[in-house]
Amino acid sequence: MKKLLAKFTILISFIFALVLLLEYFSVNDSTKAVVAGLTNSSDYLSEGSGTSDIIPMIESVRENDDTTVLVIGDSIARQMFTAMKDDCPEARIACVNAAINISGQYMLACEYLDNHPNATDVWLFAHPLTLTRTYDLDLGYGYAVMPFAIEGSLHYLEDETIDQMASVYGRWSLNAGFASLVDRSPVNRKLFFGYMRMHNSEYEQANAYEITSLYILKLKELCDSRNVTFHFYSSPSTEYYREKIEETRADFENSSLSDMYPDYLDSVYYFPTEWSKDSTHFGGDYASREVYDWVVSEAYNEFFMDLP
């Protein structure tokens, strides 16, 4: 019996050592691609993580500079306003994409305000469908959770939001160390996302604007408490999304967001779908500063910079 137990212990130790060795090589930058090929996880060398986009943005809003204005928003806002950043040196343009969810936009704003005591304005531009995103099994973890967990920003969120994230991704996944291991290894990503998609489901909001209503209110209150002016507008939208946006109107009108910003949906600026190559962003000849300036002049009655 003792010999059998000893052999079993040796076997378990050997397997454990192999797992550790595999883990070591899967997180090593010089060998992870080889390990990914051997484990059929090459797709996860890029899939499942938004850290390369989001962490630099978190670092940028923490940067102790002379800017006093923060501009955040989704990828439509990013396309338009990044083109203007050289003309507005007092503004930190930190628009990213819709996948970070409204909670991600809120954390970016918190990081900026905590590092810029002289801030005067926060501008948020978000497409209505950006505001209806929840914690899903597609991009949610890699963009809305992982980068912020690694950077230690999740503490800005309400306990109920942490519980919502945990219900989808597991509470351990909100730990910075765990998130970093998932991010660094394609094998870990494949195992984690595979398990999550098999056993979990996305967070179902009671109202399509549930999460957004909470964090728009919190951001407005935070800005007010620091004598910072909060500006909230929709990003421009192609006509392609008009019907889908209107389908959310009942939820919008039944949310506290409607009480705070009753004209939000009615003020969406729609541009022809033909101006876009992907039905969302400006494309071709319409992806130009001239067009952006014209759209801004048509869409907004105030703006964070004076256009030429």
Protein backbone atom coordinates (compact mmCIF):
# COMPACT_ATOMS: atom_id res chain seq x y z
CA MET A 1 0.00 0.00 0.00
CA LYS A 2 2.85 2.36 0.90
CA LYS A 3 4.57 1.64 -2.45
CA LEU A 4 1.32 2.36 -4.33
CA LEU A 5 0.84 5.62 -2.43
CA ALA A 6 4.46 6.59 -3.14
CA LYS A 7 4.04 5.88 -6.87
CA PHE A 8 0.81 7.86 -6.91
CA THR A 9 2.51 10.80 -5.17
CA ILE A 10 5.38 10.70 -7.67
CA LEU A 11 2.88 10.65 -10.57
CA ILE A 12 0.94 13.58 -9.19
CA SER A 13 4.16 15.50 -8.56
CA PHE A 14 5.31 14.80 -12.12
CA ILE A 15 2.01 15.99 -13.60
CA PHE A 16 2.09 19.09 -11.40
CA ALA A 17 5.64 19.85 -12.53
CA LEU A 18 4.59 19.50 -16.18
CA VAL A 19 1.68 21.87 -15.63
CA LEU A 20 3.97 24.43 -13.99
CA LEU A 21 6.46 24.06 -16.84
CA LEU A 22 3.70 24.55 -19.42
CA GLU A 23 2.46 27.59 -17.52
CA TYR A 24 5.95 29.05 -17.40
CA PHE A 25 6.50 28.73 -21.13
CA SER A 26 2.95 29.91 -21.95
CA VAL A 27 3.48 33.26 -20.19
CA ASN A 28 7.02 33.76 -21.50
CA ASP A 29 6.98 36.20 -24.42
CA SER A 30 9.64 34.28 -26.34
CA THR A 31 7.91 30.88 -26.09
CA LYS A 32 4.18 31.56 -25.72
CA ALA A 33 3.55 31.37 -29.48
CA VAL A 34 5.14 27.90 -29.63
CA VAL A 35 3.09 26.70 -26.67
CA ALA A 36 -0.04 28.19 -28.23
CA GLY A 37 0.60 26.20 -31.40
CA LEU A 38 1.16 22.98 -29.47
CA THR A 39 -2.04 23.47 -27.44
CA ASN A 40 -4.22 24.67 -30.33
CA SER A 41 -4.69 28.03 -28.66
CA SER A 42 -3.02 30.30 -31.22
CA ASP A 43 -6.25 32.27 -31.68
CA TYR A 44 -5.94 33.37 -28.07
CA LEU A 45 -2.61 35.09 -28.65
CA SER A 46 -4.81 38.10 -29.46
CA GLU A 47 -8.38 37.04 -28.71
CA GLY A 48 -9.87 37.67 -25.30
CA SER A 49 -7.76 40.63 -24.18
CA GLY A 50 -8.08 44.37 -24.51
CA THR A 51 -5.15 45.22 -22.28
CA SER A 52 -2.94 46.53 -25.09
CA ASP A 53 -5.63 49.15 -25.83
CA ILE A 54 -6.99 49.86 -22.38
CA ILE A 55 -4.01 49.80 -20.00
CA PRO A 56 -2.14 52.57 -21.91
CA MET A 57 -5.32 54.64 -21.68
CA ILE A 58 -5.56 54.06 -17.92
CA GLU A 59 -1.93 55.11 -17.62
CA SER A 60 -2.57 58.20 -19.75
CA VAL A 61 -5.41 59.51 -17.56
CA ARG A 62 -3.23 58.98 -14.49
CA GLU A 63 -0.44 61.03 -16.03
CA ASN A 64 0.24 64.13 -13.96
CA ASP A 65 0.09 66.80 -16.65
CA ASP A 66 -1.35 70.27 -17.16
CA THR A 67 -4.57 69.19 -18.83
CA THR A 68 -7.82 70.27 -17.20
CA VAL A 69 -10.37 68.69 -19.53
CA LEU A 70 -11.09 64.97 -19.93
CA VAL A 71 -12.81 63.62 -23.04
CA ILE A 72 -13.93 59.98 -22.86
CA GLY A 73 -16.19 57.85 -25.02
CA ASP A 74 -16.54 54.97 -27.43
CA SER A 75 -14.71 54.17 -30.65
CA ILE A 76 -16.79 56.59 -32.73
CA ALA A 77 -15.78 59.38 -30.39
CA ARG A 78 -12.21 58.11 -30.46
CA GLN A 79 -12.12 58.26 -34.25
CA MET A 80 -13.41 61.82 -34.35
CA PHE A 81 -11.77 63.46 -31.38
CA THR A 82 -8.32 61.87 -31.51
CA ALA A 83 -7.93 63.71 -34.80
CA MET A 84 -8.44 66.97 -32.89
CA LYS A 85 -6.11 66.41 -29.94
CA ASP A 86 -3.26 68.54 -31.28
CA ASP A 87 -5.60 71.53 -31.46
CA CYS A 88 -6.71 71.18 -27.85
CA PRO A 89 -3.63 70.78 -25.60
CA GLU A 90 -5.64 71.44 -22.44
CA ALA A 91 -7.70 68.29 -23.06
CA ARG A 92 -6.81 64.66 -22.41
CA ILE A 93 -8.54 62.71 -25.20
CA ALA A 94 -9.08 59.26 -23.66
CA CYS A 95 -11.83 57.79 -25.80
CA VAL A 96 -11.47 54.01 -26.19
CA ASN A 97 -14.35 51.79 -27.30
CA ALA A 98 -17.77 50.50 -26.31
CA ALA A 99 -16.42 47.23 -24.95
CA ILE A 100 -15.17 48.78 -21.71
CA ASN A 101 -18.83 49.46 -20.83
CA ILE A 102 -20.01 52.50 -18.95
CA SER A 103 -18.27 51.24 -15.81
CA GLY A 104 -14.96 51.44 -17.68
CA GLN A 105 -15.67 55.02 -18.73
CA TYR A 106 -16.46 55.82 -15.11
CA MET A 107 -13.18 54.31 -13.87
CA LEU A 108 -11.21 56.31 -16.45
CA ALA A 109 -12.90 59.48 -15.21
CA CYS A 110 -12.17 58.60 -11.57
CA GLU A 111 -8.51 57.98 -12.34
CA TYR A 112 -8.27 61.30 -14.18
CA LEU A 113 -9.97 63.35 -11.48
CA ASP A 114 -7.87 61.75 -8.73
CA ASN A 115 -4.72 62.76 -10.58
CA HIS A 116 -5.84 66.19 -11.83
CA PRO A 117 -7.01 68.33 -8.91
CA ASN A 118 -7.33 71.34 -11.24
CA ALA A 119 -9.72 69.60 -13.66
CA THR A 120 -12.59 71.75 -14.90
CA ASP A 121 -14.59 69.55 -17.28
CA VAL A 122 -15.38 65.94 -18.09
CA TRP A 123 -16.99 65.17 -21.45
CA LEU A 124 -18.55 61.78 -22.19
CA PHE A 125 -19.65 60.90 -25.74
CA ALA A 126 -21.38 57.53 -26.05
CA HIS A 127 -23.63 55.99 -28.70
CA PRO A 128 -26.96 54.78 -27.23
CA LEU A 129 -26.12 51.15 -27.96
CA THR A 130 -22.82 51.64 -26.16
CA LEU A 131 -24.87 52.53 -23.10
CA THR A 132 -26.88 49.31 -23.24
CA ARG A 133 -23.88 46.98 -23.04
CA THR A 134 -23.77 44.50 -20.18
CA TYR A 135 -21.13 42.12 -18.83
CA ASP A 136 -21.16 39.54 -21.61
CA LEU A 137 -19.17 36.46 -22.54
CA ASP A 138 -17.66 37.99 -25.66
CA LEU A 139 -15.62 41.14 -24.99
CA GLY A 140 -16.80 41.93 -21.48
CA TYR A 141 -14.04 40.35 -19.44
CA GLY A 142 -11.10 41.22 -21.70
CA TYR A 143 -12.07 44.89 -21.96
CA ALA A 144 -14.41 45.91 -19.14
CA VAL A 145 -12.79 43.87 -16.37
CA MET A 146 -9.30 42.47 -17.01
CA PRO A 147 -7.36 45.71 -17.71
CA PHE A 148 -8.97 47.51 -14.77
CA ALA A 149 -8.38 44.54 -12.45
CA ILE A 150 -4.71 44.43 -13.43
CA GLU A 151 -4.36 48.18 -12.89
CA GLY A 152 -6.22 48.13 -9.56
CA SER A 153 -9.12 50.35 -10.66
CA LEU A 154 -12.07 48.11 -9.76
CA HIS A 155 -12.23 49.63 -6.28
CA TYR A 156 -14.02 52.63 -7.83
CA LEU A 157 -17.06 50.47 -8.60
CA GLU A 158 -20.10 49.79 -6.45
CA ASP A 159 -20.35 46.45 -4.66
CA GLU A 160 -23.40 45.56 -6.73
CA THR A 161 -21.36 45.99 -9.92
CA ILE A 162 -18.57 43.79 -8.56
CA ASP A 163 -21.23 41.17 -7.76
CA GLN A 164 -22.59 41.43 -11.31
CA MET A 165 -19.12 40.91 -12.77
CA ALA A 166 -18.46 38.02 -10.39
CA SER A 167 -21.72 36.34 -11.37
CA VAL A 168 -20.49 36.17 -14.97
CA TYR A 169 -16.72 35.71 -14.70
CA GLY A 170 -16.21 34.35 -11.18
CA ARG A 171 -15.06 36.37 -8.18
CA TRP A 172 -11.49 35.08 -8.44
CA SER A 173 -11.27 36.57 -11.94
CA LEU A 174 -11.46 40.07 -10.46
CA ASN A 175 -8.14 39.54 -8.68
CA ALA A 176 -5.21 41.39 -10.29
CA GLY A 177 -2.93 38.34 -10.17
CA PHE A 178 -5.48 36.03 -11.77
CA ALA A 179 -6.37 38.61 -14.44
CA SER A 180 -2.68 39.05 -15.26
CA LEU A 181 -2.17 35.29 -15.67
CA VAL A 182 -5.16 35.09 -18.01
CA ASP A 183 -3.88 38.04 -19.99
CA ARG A 184 -0.31 36.80 -20.34
CA SER A 185 -1.04 33.25 -21.51
CA PRO A 186 -3.04 32.12 -24.57
CA VAL A 187 -3.46 28.71 -22.91
CA ASN A 188 -4.91 30.31 -19.80
CA ARG A 189 -7.23 32.43 -21.89
CA LYS A 190 -8.47 29.42 -23.83
CA LEU A 191 -9.12 27.43 -20.66
CA PHE A 192 -10.75 30.33 -18.82
CA PHE A 193 -12.98 31.52 -21.66
CA GLY A 194 -13.89 27.97 -22.62
CA TYR A 195 -14.97 27.15 -19.08
CA MET A 196 -16.79 30.46 -18.66
CA ARG A 197 -18.75 30.13 -21.90
CA MET A 198 -19.75 26.56 -21.08
CA HIS A 199 -20.93 27.21 -17.53
CA ASN A 200 -21.83 30.89 -17.18
CA SER A 201 -24.16 33.40 -18.81
CA GLU A 202 -24.03 37.15 -19.28
CA TYR A 203 -25.50 39.52 -16.74
CA GLU A 204 -29.11 40.28 -17.66
CA GLN A 205 -30.05 43.85 -16.92
CA ALA A 206 -33.54 44.56 -15.62
CA ASN A 207 -33.49 47.58 -17.94
CA ALA A 208 -31.21 48.06 -20.94
CA TYR A 209 -29.92 51.27 -19.32
CA GLU A 210 -29.62 49.84 -15.80
CA ILE A 211 -25.83 49.93 -15.44
CA THR A 212 -25.52 53.18 -17.36
CA SER A 213 -28.09 54.98 -15.21
CA LEU A 214 -26.11 54.12 -12.09
CA TYR A 215 -22.74 55.28 -13.41
CA ILE A 216 -23.91 58.41 -15.21
CA LEU A 217 -25.47 59.50 -11.91
CA LYS A 218 -22.30 58.61 -9.99
CA LEU A 219 -20.10 60.44 -12.50
CA LYS A 220 -22.32 63.52 -12.39
CA GLU A 221 -22.25 63.50 -8.57
CA LEU A 222 -18.47 62.99 -8.53
CA CYS A 223 -17.93 65.92 -10.88
CA ASP A 224 -20.30 68.14 -8.91
CA SER A 225 -18.47 67.31 -5.67
CA ARG A 226 -15.20 68.52 -7.21
CA ASN A 227 -16.59 71.60 -8.95
CA VAL A 228 -16.05 69.94 -12.33
CA THR A 229 -18.61 70.42 -15.10
CA PHE A 230 -19.94 67.16 -16.56
CA HIS A 231 -21.06 67.14 -20.21
CA PHE A 232 -22.90 64.11 -21.62
CA TYR A 233 -23.73 63.57 -25.30
CA SER A 234 -24.34 60.78 -27.77
CA SER A 235 -21.68 59.95 -30.31
CA PRO A 236 -22.94 60.36 -33.88
CA SER A 237 -24.68 57.32 -35.33
CA THR A 238 -25.24 55.96 -38.81
CA GLU A 239 -28.83 55.63 -39.97
CA TYR A 240 -28.21 51.87 -39.83
CA TYR A 241 -28.73 51.93 -36.07
CA ARG A 242 -31.75 54.26 -35.91
CA GLU A 243 -34.32 51.46 -35.59
CA LYS A 244 -32.21 49.55 -33.04
CA ILE A 245 -31.81 52.70 -30.98
CA GLU A 246 -35.54 53.37 -31.08
CA GLU A 247 -36.15 49.84 -29.81
CA THR A 248 -34.43 50.89 -26.59
CA ARG A 249 -36.61 53.98 -26.09
CA ALA A 250 -39.09 52.33 -23.72
CA ASP A 251 -36.27 51.17 -21.47
CA PHE A 252 -34.66 54.60 -21.66
CA GLU A 253 -37.89 56.34 -20.67
CA ASN A 254 -38.31 53.92 -17.76
CA SER A 255 -34.80 54.55 -16.48
CA SER A 256 -33.43 57.26 -14.22
CA LEU A 257 -31.22 58.30 -17.13
CA SER A 258 -34.35 59.73 -18.76
CA ASP A 259 -34.95 61.90 -15.72
CA MET A 260 -31.39 63.24 -15.83
CA TYR A 261 -31.04 63.65 -19.61
CA PRO A 262 -34.53 63.49 -21.17
CA ASP A 263 -33.35 64.77 -24.58
CA TYR A 264 -30.49 62.29 -24.97
CA LEU A 265 -32.12 59.95 -27.52
CA ASP A 266 -33.77 62.77 -29.44
CA SER A 267 -30.46 64.58 -29.81
CA VAL A 268 -28.63 61.71 -31.53
CA TYR A 269 -27.05 62.99 -34.73
CA TYR A 270 -27.57 60.49 -37.57
CA PHE A 271 -25.33 60.47 -40.62
CA PRO A 272 -25.80 58.40 -43.81
CA THR A 273 -24.76 54.77 -43.55
CA GLU A 274 -23.01 55.26 -46.89
CA TRP A 275 -20.46 57.42 -45.09
CA SER A 276 -19.28 54.31 -43.25
CA LYS A 277 -17.51 51.11 -44.32
CA ASP A 278 -18.58 49.10 -41.27
CA SER A 279 -22.00 50.66 -40.58
CA THR A 280 -20.56 52.29 -37.43
CA HIS A 281 -17.50 54.48 -38.02
CA PHE A 282 -16.76 57.10 -40.63
CA GLY A 283 -15.01 55.56 -43.62
CA GLY A 284 -13.31 56.43 -46.89
CA ASP A 285 -13.42 60.11 -47.82
CA TYR A 286 -15.71 60.77 -44.84
CA ALA A 287 -13.05 59.76 -42.32
CA SER A 288 -11.56 63.24 -42.42
CA ARG A 289 -11.07 66.17 -40.11
CA GLU A 290 -13.21 68.34 -42.38
CA VAL A 291 -16.18 65.98 -41.96
CA TYR A 292 -15.62 65.64 -38.21
CA ASP A 293 -15.64 69.41 -37.76
CA TRP A 294 -18.83 69.69 -39.79
CA VAL A 295 -20.57 66.92 -37.82
CA VAL A 296 -19.54 68.53 -34.52
CA SER A 297 -20.98 71.87 -35.65
CA GLU A 298 -24.25 70.14 -36.55
CA ALA A 299 -24.49 67.74 -33.61
CA TYR A 300 -23.48 69.69 -30.51
CA ASN A 301 -24.50 73.06 -29.14
CA GLU A 302 -21.33 73.14 -27.03
CA PHE A 303 -17.96 71.52 -27.49
CA PHE A 304 -14.70 71.08 -25.61
CA MET A 305 -12.68 73.12 -28.09
CA ASP A 306 -13.10 75.98 -30.53
CA LEU A 307 -13.14 74.60 -34.05
CA PRO A 308 -11.05 76.33 -36.71
